[in-house]
Amino acid sequence: MFLVAAIVYLGLLFSGYGVLIGSEKNAAGLGLQCKYLTARNIANAQYINGENGIIGISSCPLVKKIGNNVFE
């Protein structure tokens, strides 16, 4: 179990990606706030919420490029 967690942590650290850990609608349902767990912290991303997907997005992406990796 520890080995799997270490591999996931190193993957997030070297890639700069975050994994979705939570989301909530805000601003009377017009905004969508997504929380991503990275190797360094928890990052927030704001999107326009569109139920039909034409304008904005209906759900948060599972993974998102949050920042630079450790080599940059």
PDB file of N, CA and C in Angstrom:
ATOM      1  N   MET A   1       0.819  -1.187   0.000  1.00  0.00           N
ATOM      2  CA  MET A   1       0.000   0.000   0.000  1.00  0.00           C
ATOM      3  C   MET A   1       0.870   1.262   0.000  1.00  0.00           C
ATOM      4  N   PHE A   2       1.917   1.255   0.823  1.00  0.00           N
ATOM      5  CA  PHE A   2       2.814   2.408   0.878  1.00  0.00           C
ATOM      6  C   PHE A   2       3.504   2.629  -0.459  1.00  0.00           C
ATOM      7  N   LEU A   3       3.874   1.554  -1.120  1.00  0.00           N
ATOM      8  CA  LEU A   3       4.557   1.655  -2.410  1.00  0.00           C
ATOM      9  C   LEU A   3       3.652   2.289  -3.460  1.00  0.00           C
ATOM     10  N   VAL A   4       2.387   1.927  -3.457  1.00  0.00           N
ATOM     11  CA  VAL A   4       1.434   2.499  -4.413  1.00  0.00           C
ATOM     12  C   VAL A   4       1.263   3.996  -4.155  1.00  0.00           C
ATOM     13  N   ALA A   5       1.132   4.376  -2.885  1.00  0.00           N
ATOM     14  CA  ALA A   5       0.992   5.793  -2.543  1.00  0.00           C
ATOM     15  C   ALA A   5       2.238   6.581  -2.939  1.00  0.00           C
ATOM     16  N   ALA A   6       3.411   6.001  -2.752  1.00  0.00           N
ATOM     17  CA  ALA A   6       4.657   6.672  -3.125  1.00  0.00           C
ATOM     18  C   ALA A   6       4.746   6.858  -4.637  1.00  0.00           C
ATOM     19  N   ILE A   7       4.329   5.870  -5.392  1.00  0.00           N
ATOM     20  CA  ILE A   7       4.363   5.963  -6.857  1.00  0.00           C
ATOM     21  C   ILE A   7       3.391   7.036  -7.345  1.00  0.00           C
ATOM     22  N   VAL A   8       2.187   7.082  -6.768  1.00  0.00           N
ATOM     23  CA  VAL A   8       1.208   8.103  -7.148  1.00  0.00           C
ATOM     24  C   VAL A   8       1.732   9.496  -6.806  1.00  0.00           C
ATOM     25  N   TYR A   9       2.309   9.656  -5.624  1.00  0.00           N
ATOM     26  CA  TYR A   9       2.860  10.951  -5.209  1.00  0.00           C
ATOM     27  C   TYR A   9       3.964  11.407  -6.162  1.00  0.00           C
ATOM     28  N   LEU A  10       4.878  10.523  -6.489  1.00  0.00           N
ATOM     29  CA  LEU A  10       5.966  10.886  -7.402  1.00  0.00           C
ATOM     30  C   LEU A  10       5.435  11.214  -8.791  1.00  0.00           C
ATOM     31  N   GLY A  11       4.418  10.490  -9.229  1.00  0.00           N
ATOM     32  CA  GLY A  11       3.807  10.790 -10.519  1.00  0.00           C
ATOM     33  C   GLY A  11       3.211  12.185 -10.552  1.00  0.00           C
ATOM     34  N   LEU A  12       2.515  12.571  -9.479  1.00  0.00           N
ATOM     35  CA  LEU A  12       1.952  13.919  -9.403  1.00  0.00           C
ATOM     36  C   LEU A  12       3.046  14.974  -9.296  1.00  0.00           C
ATOM     37  N   LEU A  13       4.087  14.674  -8.544  1.00  0.00           N
ATOM     38  CA  LEU A  13       5.178  15.629  -8.350  1.00  0.00           C
ATOM     39  C   LEU A  13       5.917  15.912  -9.654  1.00  0.00           C
ATOM     40  N   PHE A  14       6.230  14.879 -10.412  1.00  0.00           N
ATOM     41  CA  PHE A  14       7.010  15.054 -11.636  1.00  0.00           C
ATOM     42  C   PHE A  14       6.177  15.536 -12.820  1.00  0.00           C
ATOM     43  N   SER A  15       4.860  15.335 -12.783  1.00  0.00           N
ATOM     44  CA  SER A  15       4.035  15.719 -13.924  1.00  0.00           C
ATOM     45  C   SER A  15       3.418  17.108 -13.789  1.00  0.00           C
ATOM     46  N   GLY A  16       3.170  17.566 -12.560  1.00  0.00           N
ATOM     47  CA  GLY A  16       2.511  18.851 -12.372  1.00  0.00           C
ATOM     48  C   GLY A  16       1.000  18.769 -12.459  1.00  0.00           C
ATOM     49  N   TYR A  17       0.440  17.575 -12.484  1.00  0.00           N
ATOM     50  CA  TYR A  17      -1.005  17.384 -12.565  1.00  0.00           C
ATOM     51  C   TYR A  17      -1.614  17.257 -11.184  1.00  0.00           C
ATOM     52  N   GLY A  18      -2.921  17.497 -11.108  1.00  0.00           N
ATOM     53  CA  GLY A  18      -3.684  17.310  -9.891  1.00  0.00           C
ATOM     54  C   GLY A  18      -4.857  16.386 -10.160  1.00  0.00           C
ATOM     55  N   VAL A  19      -5.327  15.723  -9.119  1.00  0.00           N
ATOM     56  CA  VAL A  19      -6.450  14.793  -9.206  1.00  0.00           C
ATOM     57  C   VAL A  19      -7.643  15.413  -8.481  1.00  0.00           C
ATOM     58  N   LEU A  20      -8.808  15.351  -9.094  1.00  0.00           N
ATOM     59  CA  LEU A  20     -10.021  15.940  -8.539  1.00  0.00           C
ATOM     60  C   LEU A  20     -10.373  15.296  -7.200  1.00  0.00           C
ATOM     61  N   ILE A  21     -10.585  16.133  -6.180  1.00  0.00           N
ATOM     62  CA  ILE A  21     -10.999  15.612  -4.873  1.00  0.00           C
ATOM     63  C   ILE A  21     -12.351  16.164  -4.440  1.00  0.00           C
ATOM     64  N   GLY A  22     -12.859  17.170  -5.143  1.00  0.00           N
ATOM     65  CA  GLY A  22     -14.163  17.714  -4.786  1.00  0.00           C
ATOM     66  C   GLY A  22     -14.578  18.837  -5.710  1.00  0.00           C
ATOM     67  N   SER A  23     -15.890  19.070  -5.770  1.00  0.00           N
ATOM     68  CA  SER A  23     -16.406  20.167  -6.583  1.00  0.00           C
ATOM     69  C   SER A  23     -17.704  20.662  -5.967  1.00  0.00           C
ATOM     70  N   GLU A  24     -18.005  21.917  -6.241  1.00  0.00           N
ATOM     71  CA  GLU A  24     -19.264  22.490  -5.772  1.00  0.00           C
ATOM     72  C   GLU A  24     -19.659  23.636  -6.687  1.00  0.00           C
ATOM     73  N   LYS A  25     -20.973  23.831  -6.805  1.00  0.00           N
ATOM     74  CA  LYS A  25     -21.489  24.951  -7.586  1.00  0.00           C
ATOM     75  C   LYS A  25     -21.501  26.187  -6.701  1.00  0.00           C
ATOM     76  N   ASN A  26     -21.226  27.339  -7.317  1.00  0.00           N
ATOM     77  CA  ASN A  26     -21.271  28.600  -6.591  1.00  0.00           C
ATOM     78  C   ASN A  26     -21.887  29.671  -7.478  1.00  0.00           C
ATOM     79  N   ALA A  27     -22.059  30.845  -6.949  1.00  0.00           N
ATOM     80  CA  ALA A  27     -22.608  31.996  -7.683  1.00  0.00           C
ATOM     81  C   ALA A  27     -23.951  31.653  -8.322  1.00  0.00           C
ATOM     82  N   ALA A  28     -24.877  31.194  -7.499  1.00  0.00           N
ATOM     83  CA  ALA A  28     -26.241  30.862  -7.938  1.00  0.00           C
ATOM     84  C   ALA A  28     -26.254  29.807  -9.037  1.00  0.00           C
ATOM     85  N   GLY A  29     -25.321  28.884  -8.988  1.00  0.00           N
ATOM     86  CA  GLY A  29     -25.288  27.799  -9.959  1.00  0.00           C
ATOM     87  C   GLY A  29     -24.596  28.136 -11.260  1.00  0.00           C
ATOM     88  N   LEU A  30     -24.084  29.358 -11.405  1.00  0.00           N
ATOM     89  CA  LEU A  30     -23.416  29.750 -12.646  1.00  0.00           C
ATOM     90  C   LEU A  30     -21.942  29.377 -12.660  1.00  0.00           C
ATOM     91  N   GLY A  31     -21.350  29.188 -11.497  1.00  0.00           N
ATOM     92  CA  GLY A  31     -19.936  28.854 -11.403  1.00  0.00           C
ATOM     93  C   GLY A  31     -19.741  27.448 -10.869  1.00  0.00           C
ATOM     94  N   LEU A  32     -18.619  26.868 -11.193  1.00  0.00           N
ATOM     95  CA  LEU A  32     -18.259  25.538 -10.721  1.00  0.00           C
ATOM     96  C   LEU A  32     -16.845  25.626 -10.163  1.00  0.00           C
ATOM     97  N   GLN A  33     -16.689  25.293  -8.886  1.00  0.00           N
ATOM     98  CA  GLN A  33     -15.378  25.329  -8.243  1.00  0.00           C
ATOM     99  C   GLN A  33     -14.904  23.899  -8.050  1.00  0.00           C
ATOM    100  N   CYS A  34     -13.707  23.602  -8.584  1.00  0.00           N
ATOM    101  CA  CYS A  34     -13.139  22.260  -8.519  1.00  0.00           C
ATOM    102  C   CYS A  34     -11.887  22.294  -7.652  1.00  0.00           C
ATOM    103  N   LYS A  35     -11.729  21.299  -6.789  1.00  0.00           N
ATOM    104  CA  LYS A  35     -10.549  21.203  -5.927  1.00  0.00           C
ATOM    105  C   LYS A  35      -9.711  20.016  -6.379  1.00  0.00           C
ATOM    106  N   TYR A  36      -8.404  20.277  -6.572  1.00  0.00           N
ATOM    107  CA  TYR A  36      -7.476  19.266  -7.058  1.00  0.00           C
ATOM    108  C   TYR A  36      -6.357  19.038  -6.053  1.00  0.00           C
ATOM    109  N   LEU A  37      -6.040  17.788  -5.802  1.00  0.00           N
ATOM    110  CA  LEU A  37      -4.926  17.417  -4.939  1.00  0.00           C
ATOM    111  C   LEU A  37      -3.690  17.252  -5.802  1.00  0.00           C
ATOM    112  N   THR A  38      -2.663  18.046  -5.509  1.00  0.00           N
ATOM    113  CA  THR A  38      -1.384  17.925  -6.198  1.00  0.00           C
ATOM    114  C   THR A  38      -0.372  17.364  -5.213  1.00  0.00           C
ATOM    115  N   ALA A  39       0.845  17.196  -5.650  1.00  0.00           N
ATOM    116  CA  ALA A  39       1.887  16.686  -4.756  1.00  0.00           C
ATOM    117  C   ALA A  39       2.293  17.738  -3.732  1.00  0.00           C
ATOM    118  N   ARG A  40       2.013  19.003  -4.005  1.00  0.00           N
ATOM    119  CA  ARG A  40       2.455  20.085  -3.118  1.00  0.00           C
ATOM    120  C   ARG A  40       1.344  20.707  -2.287  1.00  0.00           C
ATOM    121  N   ASN A  41       0.119  20.779  -2.817  1.00  0.00           N
ATOM    122  CA  ASN A  41      -0.967  21.441  -2.100  1.00  0.00           C
ATOM    123  C   ASN A  41      -2.312  21.061  -2.705  1.00  0.00           C
ATOM    124  N   ILE A  42      -3.352  21.740  -2.241  1.00  0.00           N
ATOM    125  CA  ILE A  42      -4.681  21.607  -2.829  1.00  0.00           C
ATOM    126  C   ILE A  42      -4.934  22.878  -3.627  1.00  0.00           C
ATOM    127  N   ALA A  43      -5.258  22.719  -4.901  1.00  0.00           N
ATOM    128  CA  ALA A  43      -5.462  23.862  -5.787  1.00  0.00           C
ATOM    129  C   ALA A  43      -6.934  23.952  -6.174  1.00  0.00           C
ATOM    130  N   ASN A  44      -7.400  25.177  -6.380  1.00  0.00           N
ATOM    131  CA  ASN A  44      -8.771  25.425  -6.809  1.00  0.00           C
ATOM    132  C   ASN A  44      -8.779  25.895  -8.251  1.00  0.00           C
ATOM    133  N   ALA A  45      -9.804  25.495  -8.979  1.00  0.00           N
ATOM    134  CA  ALA A  45     -10.007  25.961 -10.351  1.00  0.00           C
ATOM    135  C   ALA A  45     -11.465  26.383 -10.490  1.00  0.00           C
ATOM    136  N   GLN A  46     -11.696  27.515 -11.143  1.00  0.00           N
ATOM    137  CA  GLN A  46     -13.039  28.040 -11.344  1.00  0.00           C
ATOM    138  C   GLN A  46     -13.432  27.868 -12.805  1.00  0.00           C
ATOM    139  N   TYR A  47     -14.653  27.415 -13.031  1.00  0.00           N
ATOM    140  CA  TYR A  47     -15.190  27.243 -14.377  1.00  0.00           C
ATOM    141  C   TYR A  47     -16.587  27.832 -14.434  1.00  0.00           C
ATOM    142  N   ILE A  48     -17.038  28.150 -15.637  1.00  0.00           N
ATOM    143  CA  ILE A  48     -18.431  28.523 -15.854  1.00  0.00           C
ATOM    144  C   ILE A  48     -19.216  27.227 -15.971  1.00  0.00           C
ATOM    145  N   ASN A  49     -20.305  27.146 -15.220  1.00  0.00           N
ATOM    146  CA  ASN A  49     -21.109  25.932 -15.203  1.00  0.00           C
ATOM    147  C   ASN A  49     -22.160  25.994 -16.301  1.00  0.00           C
ATOM    148  N   GLY A  50     -22.173  25.008 -17.161  1.00  0.00           N
ATOM    149  CA  GLY A  50     -23.187  24.884 -18.191  1.00  0.00           C
ATOM    150  C   GLY A  50     -23.710  23.466 -18.207  1.00  0.00           C
ATOM    151  N   GLU A  51     -24.964  23.290 -17.875  1.00  0.00           N
ATOM    152  CA  GLU A  51     -25.518  21.936 -17.774  1.00  0.00           C
ATOM    153  C   GLU A  51     -25.511  21.206 -19.118  1.00  0.00           C
ATOM    154  N   ASN A  52     -25.653  21.949 -20.219  1.00  0.00           N
ATOM    155  CA  ASN A  52     -25.692  21.304 -21.526  1.00  0.00           C
ATOM    156  C   ASN A  52     -24.314  21.133 -22.146  1.00  0.00           C
ATOM    157  N   GLY A  53     -23.291  21.769 -21.596  1.00  0.00           N
ATOM    158  CA  GLY A  53     -21.935  21.626 -22.112  1.00  0.00           C
ATOM    159  C   GLY A  53     -21.605  22.530 -23.285  1.00  0.00           C
ATOM    160  N   ILE A  54     -22.558  23.341 -23.748  1.00  0.00           N
ATOM    161  CA  ILE A  54     -22.294  24.242 -24.870  1.00  0.00           C
ATOM    162  C   ILE A  54     -21.481  25.444 -24.388  1.00  0.00           C
ATOM    163  N   ILE A  55     -21.947  26.083 -23.337  1.00  0.00           N
ATOM    164  CA  ILE A  55     -21.205  27.181 -22.715  1.00  0.00           C
ATOM    165  C   ILE A  55     -20.788  26.698 -21.339  1.00  0.00           C
ATOM    166  N   GLY A  56     -19.497  26.642 -21.095  1.00  0.00           N
ATOM    167  CA  GLY A  56     -19.002  26.151 -19.816  1.00  0.00           C
ATOM    168  C   GLY A  56     -18.914  24.633 -19.799  1.00  0.00           C
ATOM    169  N   ILE A  57     -18.749  24.088 -18.603  1.00  0.00           N
ATOM    170  CA  ILE A  57     -18.645  22.638 -18.448  1.00  0.00           C
ATOM    171  C   ILE A  57     -19.679  22.174 -17.436  1.00  0.00           C
ATOM    172  N   SER A  58     -20.122  20.935 -17.564  1.00  0.00           N
ATOM    173  CA  SER A  58     -21.134  20.407 -16.654  1.00  0.00           C
ATOM    174  C   SER A  58     -20.517  19.699 -15.456  1.00  0.00           C
ATOM    175  N   SER A  59     -19.262  19.256 -15.577  1.00  0.00           N
ATOM    176  CA  SER A  59     -18.583  18.617 -14.446  1.00  0.00           C
ATOM    177  C   SER A  59     -17.083  18.883 -14.548  1.00  0.00           C
ATOM    178  N   CYS A  60     -16.408  18.735 -13.427  1.00  0.00           N
ATOM    179  CA  CYS A  60     -14.973  19.001 -13.373  1.00  0.00           C
ATOM    180  C   CYS A  60     -14.186  17.883 -14.048  1.00  0.00           C
ATOM    181  N   PRO A  61     -13.096  18.222 -14.738  1.00  0.00           N
ATOM    182  CA  PRO A  61     -12.221  17.185 -15.285  1.00  0.00           C
ATOM    183  C   PRO A  61     -11.577  16.378 -14.156  1.00  0.00           C
ATOM    184  N   LEU A  62     -11.375  15.091 -14.372  1.00  0.00           N
ATOM    185  CA  LEU A  62     -10.813  14.215 -13.345  1.00  0.00           C
ATOM    186  C   LEU A  62      -9.367  14.575 -13.025  1.00  0.00           C
ATOM    187  N   VAL A  63      -8.571  14.907 -14.035  1.00  0.00           N
ATOM    188  CA  VAL A  63      -7.193  15.354 -13.829  1.00  0.00           C
ATOM    189  C   VAL A  63      -6.999  16.679 -14.559  1.00  0.00           C
ATOM    190  N   LYS A  64      -6.123  17.524 -14.015  1.00  0.00           N
ATOM    191  CA  LYS A  64      -5.883  18.843 -14.608  1.00  0.00           C
ATOM    192  C   LYS A  64      -4.437  19.234 -14.381  1.00  0.00           C
ATOM    193  N   LYS A  65      -3.848  19.843 -15.395  1.00  0.00           N
ATOM    194  CA  LYS A  65      -2.496  20.386 -15.273  1.00  0.00           C
ATOM    195  C   LYS A  65      -2.587  21.623 -14.390  1.00  0.00           C
ATOM    196  N   ILE A  66      -1.950  21.566 -13.227  1.00  0.00           N
ATOM    197  CA  ILE A  66      -2.058  22.643 -12.250  1.00  0.00           C
ATOM    198  C   ILE A  66      -0.869  23.584 -12.331  1.00  0.00           C
ATOM    199  N   GLY A  67       0.313  23.039 -12.369  1.00  0.00           N
ATOM    200  CA  GLY A  67       1.491  23.899 -12.361  1.00  0.00           C
ATOM    201  C   GLY A  67       2.664  23.212 -13.003  1.00  0.00           C
ATOM    202  N   ASN A  68       3.811  23.772 -12.763  1.00  0.00           N
ATOM    203  CA  ASN A  68       5.045  23.225 -13.310  1.00  0.00           C
ATOM    204  C   ASN A  68       5.457  21.979 -12.546  1.00  0.00           C
ATOM    205  N   ASN A  69       6.179  21.124 -13.224  1.00  0.00           N
ATOM    206  CA  ASN A  69       6.731  19.966 -12.525  1.00  0.00           C
ATOM    207  C   ASN A  69       8.003  20.386 -11.794  1.00  0.00           C
ATOM    208  N   VAL A  70       8.639  19.480 -11.108  1.00  0.00           N
ATOM    209  CA  VAL A  70       9.797  19.826 -10.278  1.00  0.00           C
ATOM    210  C   VAL A  70      11.020  20.211 -11.099  1.00  0.00           C
ATOM    211  N   PHE A  71      11.045  19.900 -12.381  1.00  0.00           N
ATOM    212  CA  PHE A  71      12.213  20.185 -13.205  1.00  0.00           C
ATOM    213  C   PHE A  71      12.167  21.565 -13.838  1.00  0.00           C
ATOM    214  N   GLU A  72      11.040  22.255 -13.779  1.00  0.00           N
ATOM    215  CA  GLU A  72      10.917  23.574 -14.417  1.00  0.00           C
ATOM    216  C   GLU A  72      11.100  24.685 -13.424  1.00  0.00           C
TER     217      GLU A  72
END
